[in-house]
Amino acid sequence: MNDVSLRLTGITKTYNAGTPAAVEVLRGVDMSLSKGEVVALVAPSGAGKSTLLHIAGLLDTPDGGTVEIGGADVTGAPDRRRTIMRRDEVGFVYQFHHLLPEFSALENIVLPQLAAGVARSAADTRARELLEVVGIGARAHHRPAALSGGEQQRVAFCRALANNPSVLLADEPTGNLDPATSDTVFDALMTLVRETGLSALIATHNMDLAARMDRQLRLDQGRLSAS
């Protein structure tokens, strides 16, 4: 049984390759996430953490190296397979929630499930369960504009986990929140991760939050090391 949800091997990425302005963003990055593990990705601004997350989540392709999700090499997979893998196996959370404003909290979590072919009744049940886990079940029928920043981000977490992915990728998910709200949102995220058993790679500048994760990785000058 493969206990590794995500493995990156020898990942390289250069922008403007072959020009005087070429920037080597990733230089042979190796990393893996085990099932149920929460890992902090710590990096200064411009170090390439978003690029690394996008490659790990199949939103971008590396110049070299391999990406494995659930033991399958998907580096050079056709676009359709990559799209299906993103839908079914990877959840994304960003600094800004990007919720659909015309839909309720519940509907924002139901929609990705419907896109995956889940029946509406089952999608509703799953959405309600996730909202209860993060403590905002009573806000299910509120639209994003009627929710606080912390509530909006908790809905974004629920949406990312709606299709039971094996990997969660989060890019500064608490970076737009005040410290107290950040702690509340992070606690909700950890509850979701622990209850579902997925793996999570969370980019953050908040060293207090990073210290509460299972381990920390630092990305600097294109290379990844234990922090």
Protein backbone atom coordinates (compact mmCIF):
# COMPACT_ATOMS: atom_id res chain seq x y z
CA MET A 1 0.00 0.00 0.00
CA ASN A 2 1.39 3.38 -0.97
CA ASP A 3 1.37 5.79 1.99
CA VAL A 4 2.68 8.71 -0.10
CA SER A 5 -0.04 11.00 -1.45
CA LEU A 6 2.25 13.38 -3.34
CA ARG A 7 5.84 13.01 -4.52
CA LEU A 8 7.93 15.54 -6.43
CA THR A 9 11.28 14.39 -7.81
CA GLY A 10 13.92 16.61 -9.39
CA ILE A 11 11.50 19.42 -10.19
CA THR A 12 13.02 22.29 -12.17
CA LYS A 13 11.39 25.42 -13.55
CA THR A 14 12.92 28.38 -15.38
CA TYR A 15 11.05 31.42 -16.65
CA ASN A 16 12.23 33.21 -19.81
CA ALA A 17 14.63 30.37 -20.49
CA GLY A 18 17.33 31.20 -23.02
CA THR A 19 17.13 34.94 -22.46
CA PRO A 20 19.27 37.33 -20.39
CA ALA A 21 16.29 37.72 -18.05
CA ALA A 22 16.00 33.97 -17.34
CA VAL A 23 15.10 33.14 -13.74
CA GLU A 24 15.70 29.63 -12.41
CA VAL A 25 12.85 29.37 -9.90
CA LEU A 26 13.10 25.70 -8.91
CA ARG A 27 16.36 23.77 -8.96
CA GLY A 28 15.86 20.04 -8.50
CA VAL A 29 13.18 20.07 -5.82
CA ASP A 30 12.46 16.74 -4.11
CA MET A 31 9.66 16.28 -1.59
CA SER A 32 6.91 13.91 -0.54
CA LEU A 33 3.74 14.09 1.55
CA SER A 34 2.54 11.08 3.50
CA LYS A 35 -1.12 10.39 4.08
CA GLY A 36 -2.46 12.39 7.01
CA GLU A 37 0.59 14.67 7.13
CA VAL A 38 0.43 18.47 7.36
CA VAL A 39 3.58 20.22 6.10
CA ALA A 40 4.42 23.91 6.16
CA LEU A 41 6.13 25.44 3.13
CA VAL A 42 8.04 28.50 4.28
CA ALA A 43 9.56 30.84 1.72
CA PRO A 44 10.38 34.52 1.27
CA SER A 45 8.34 36.46 -1.26
CA GLY A 46 9.29 35.64 -4.82
CA ALA A 47 11.06 32.39 -3.88
CA GLY A 48 8.76 30.26 -6.04
CA LYS A 49 6.35 28.74 -3.54
CA SER A 50 3.31 29.49 -5.70
CA THR A 51 5.09 27.94 -8.69
CA LEU A 52 5.85 24.84 -6.63
CA LEU A 53 2.23 24.57 -5.48
CA HIS A 54 0.93 25.02 -9.04
CA ILE A 55 3.23 22.27 -10.32
CA ALA A 56 2.25 19.96 -7.45
CA GLY A 57 -1.42 20.63 -8.23
CA LEU A 58 -1.07 20.11 -11.99
CA LEU A 59 -1.83 23.74 -12.82
CA ASP A 60 1.65 24.16 -14.29
CA THR A 61 4.21 21.80 -15.76
CA PRO A 62 7.87 21.57 -14.72
CA ASP A 63 10.76 21.85 -17.15
CA GLY A 64 12.21 18.71 -15.59
CA GLY A 65 11.38 16.13 -12.94
CA THR A 66 8.27 14.13 -12.10
CA VAL A 67 5.01 14.65 -10.22
CA GLU A 68 3.33 11.62 -8.67
CA ILE A 69 -0.10 11.68 -7.04
CA GLY A 70 -1.19 8.52 -5.28
CA GLY A 71 1.78 6.68 -6.77
CA ALA A 72 0.90 7.54 -10.37
CA ASP A 73 3.28 9.62 -12.49
CA VAL A 74 1.09 12.38 -13.94
CA THR A 75 3.84 14.73 -15.12
CA GLY A 76 3.16 14.37 -18.82
CA ALA A 77 -0.44 13.27 -18.61
CA PRO A 78 -2.89 14.53 -21.26
CA ASP A 79 -4.87 17.65 -20.38
CA ARG A 80 -8.09 15.72 -19.73
CA ARG A 81 -6.45 13.36 -17.25
CA ARG A 82 -4.78 16.28 -15.48
CA THR A 83 -8.15 18.03 -15.23
CA ILE A 84 -9.77 14.93 -13.74
CA MET A 85 -6.90 14.50 -11.28
CA ARG A 86 -7.21 18.11 -10.17
CA ARG A 87 -10.96 17.68 -9.70
CA ASP A 88 -10.80 14.38 -7.83
CA GLU A 89 -7.43 14.26 -6.06
CA VAL A 90 -6.32 17.85 -5.35
CA GLY A 91 -7.95 20.61 -3.30
CA PHE A 92 -6.77 24.24 -3.54
CA VAL A 93 -7.09 27.09 -1.05
CA TYR A 94 -5.71 30.56 -1.74
CA GLN A 95 -5.13 33.70 0.31
CA PHE A 96 -8.39 35.12 -1.05
CA HIS A 97 -11.40 32.85 -0.88
CA HIS A 98 -12.62 33.28 -4.50
CA LEU A 99 -16.14 32.16 -3.58
CA LEU A 100 -18.87 32.66 -6.17
CA PRO A 101 -20.74 35.72 -4.85
CA GLU A 102 -24.17 34.84 -6.25
CA PHE A 103 -24.26 31.47 -4.49
CA SER A 104 -24.68 30.61 -0.81
CA ALA A 105 -21.96 28.99 1.29
CA LEU A 106 -23.68 25.64 0.86
CA GLU A 107 -24.00 26.06 -2.91
CA ASN A 108 -20.33 26.99 -3.26
CA ILE A 109 -19.48 23.59 -1.75
CA VAL A 110 -22.14 21.70 -3.67
CA LEU A 111 -21.13 22.96 -7.14
CA PRO A 112 -17.75 21.18 -7.45
CA GLN A 113 -19.44 17.97 -6.38
CA LEU A 114 -22.10 18.31 -9.06
CA ALA A 115 -19.32 18.86 -11.60
CA ALA A 116 -17.86 15.53 -10.48
CA GLY A 117 -21.18 13.76 -11.03
CA VAL A 118 -22.36 13.56 -7.41
CA ALA A 119 -26.14 13.54 -6.90
CA ARG A 120 -27.57 16.80 -5.51
CA SER A 121 -28.87 15.22 -2.29
CA ALA A 122 -25.52 13.61 -1.52
CA ALA A 123 -23.69 16.85 -2.38
CA ASP A 124 -25.94 18.80 -0.01
CA THR A 125 -25.29 16.32 2.78
CA ARG A 126 -21.53 16.45 2.26
CA ALA A 127 -21.56 20.27 2.19
CA ARG A 128 -23.56 20.51 5.41
CA GLU A 129 -21.27 18.04 7.16
CA LEU A 130 -18.17 20.04 6.20
CA LEU A 131 -19.71 23.33 7.33
CA GLU A 132 -20.56 21.77 10.68
CA VAL A 133 -16.99 20.53 11.12
CA VAL A 134 -15.64 24.08 10.73
CA GLY A 135 -18.31 25.53 13.00
CA ILE A 136 -20.45 27.52 10.57
CA GLY A 137 -23.29 25.16 9.79
CA ALA A 138 -25.77 27.87 10.74
CA ARG A 139 -24.37 30.09 7.97
CA ALA A 140 -25.02 27.58 5.18
CA HIS A 141 -27.54 29.73 3.31
CA HIS A 142 -25.65 33.03 3.59
CA ARG A 143 -23.93 34.42 0.53
CA PRO A 144 -20.24 35.37 0.81
CA ALA A 145 -20.99 39.09 1.23
CA ALA A 146 -22.91 38.26 4.42
CA LEU A 147 -20.02 36.26 5.90
CA SER A 148 -16.97 37.50 7.78
CA GLY A 149 -13.50 37.05 6.29
CA GLY A 150 -12.83 34.07 8.53
CA GLU A 151 -16.16 32.48 7.63
CA GLN A 152 -15.51 32.97 3.93
CA GLN A 153 -12.14 31.26 4.20
CA ARG A 154 -13.65 28.35 6.12
CA VAL A 155 -16.16 27.92 3.29
CA ALA A 156 -13.20 27.93 0.87
CA PHE A 157 -11.60 25.09 2.86
CA CYS A 158 -14.84 23.12 2.72
CA ARG A 159 -15.11 23.69 -1.02
CA ALA A 160 -11.53 22.47 -1.50
CA LEU A 161 -12.36 19.24 0.33
CA ALA A 162 -15.81 18.74 -1.19
CA ASN A 163 -14.69 15.95 -3.54
CA ASN A 164 -12.61 14.10 -0.92
CA PRO A 165 -9.19 14.86 -2.45
CA SER A 166 -6.07 13.06 -1.29
CA VAL A 167 -3.96 16.25 -1.31
CA LEU A 168 -4.71 19.77 -0.11
CA LEU A 169 -2.54 22.64 -1.35
CA ALA A 170 -2.92 26.01 0.38
CA ASP A 171 -1.15 29.24 -0.56
CA GLU A 172 -1.09 31.67 2.40
CA PRO A 173 -4.63 30.65 3.44
CA THR A 174 -4.59 32.90 6.52
CA GLY A 175 -2.49 35.70 5.05
CA ASN A 176 -5.42 38.07 4.63
CA LEU A 177 -6.78 37.63 8.17
CA ASP A 178 -6.09 39.26 11.53
CA PRO A 179 -4.19 37.10 14.07
CA ALA A 180 -7.22 35.97 16.09
CA THR A 181 -9.22 35.05 12.99
CA SER A 182 -6.15 33.39 11.50
CA ASP A 183 -5.89 31.08 14.52
CA THR A 184 -9.59 30.19 14.27
CA VAL A 185 -9.35 29.44 10.56
CA PHE A 186 -6.17 27.42 11.00
CA ASP A 187 -7.80 25.35 13.75
CA ALA A 188 -10.70 24.65 11.39
CA LEU A 189 -8.29 23.62 8.65
CA MET A 190 -6.42 21.24 10.95
CA THR A 191 -9.71 19.71 12.09
CA LEU A 192 -10.73 19.08 8.49
CA VAL A 193 -7.36 17.58 7.61
CA ARG A 194 -7.23 15.30 10.65
CA GLU A 195 -10.80 14.10 10.21
CA THR A 196 -10.39 13.31 6.52
CA GLY A 197 -6.84 11.89 6.66
CA LEU A 198 -5.64 13.71 3.57
CA SER A 199 -2.19 15.25 3.11
CA ALA A 200 -1.70 19.02 3.20
CA LEU A 201 1.07 21.32 1.98
CA ILE A 202 0.49 24.81 3.36
CA ALA A 203 2.57 27.80 2.26
CA THR A 204 2.76 30.42 4.99
CA HIS A 205 4.80 33.33 6.31
CA ASN A 206 3.34 32.76 9.78
CA MET A 207 6.02 30.89 11.72
CA ASP A 208 3.70 30.32 14.68
CA LEU A 209 1.30 28.44 12.43
CA ALA A 210 4.16 26.63 10.70
CA ALA A 211 5.40 25.38 14.07
CA ARG A 212 2.02 23.74 14.70
CA MET A 213 2.30 21.55 11.59
CA ASP A 214 3.99 18.16 11.44
CA ARG A 215 7.14 19.52 9.81
CA GLN A 216 8.46 22.56 7.98
CA LEU A 217 10.17 22.86 4.60
CA ARG A 218 11.98 25.99 3.45
CA LEU A 219 12.23 27.02 -0.18
CA ASP A 220 15.09 29.42 -0.87
CA GLN A 221 16.98 30.17 -4.09
CA GLY A 222 15.17 27.36 -5.85
CA ARG A 223 16.07 24.64 -3.40
CA LEU A 224 14.01 22.91 -0.73
CA SER A 225 15.33 21.94 2.69
CA ALA A 226 14.05 21.00 6.14
CA SER A 227 13.45 24.15 8.14
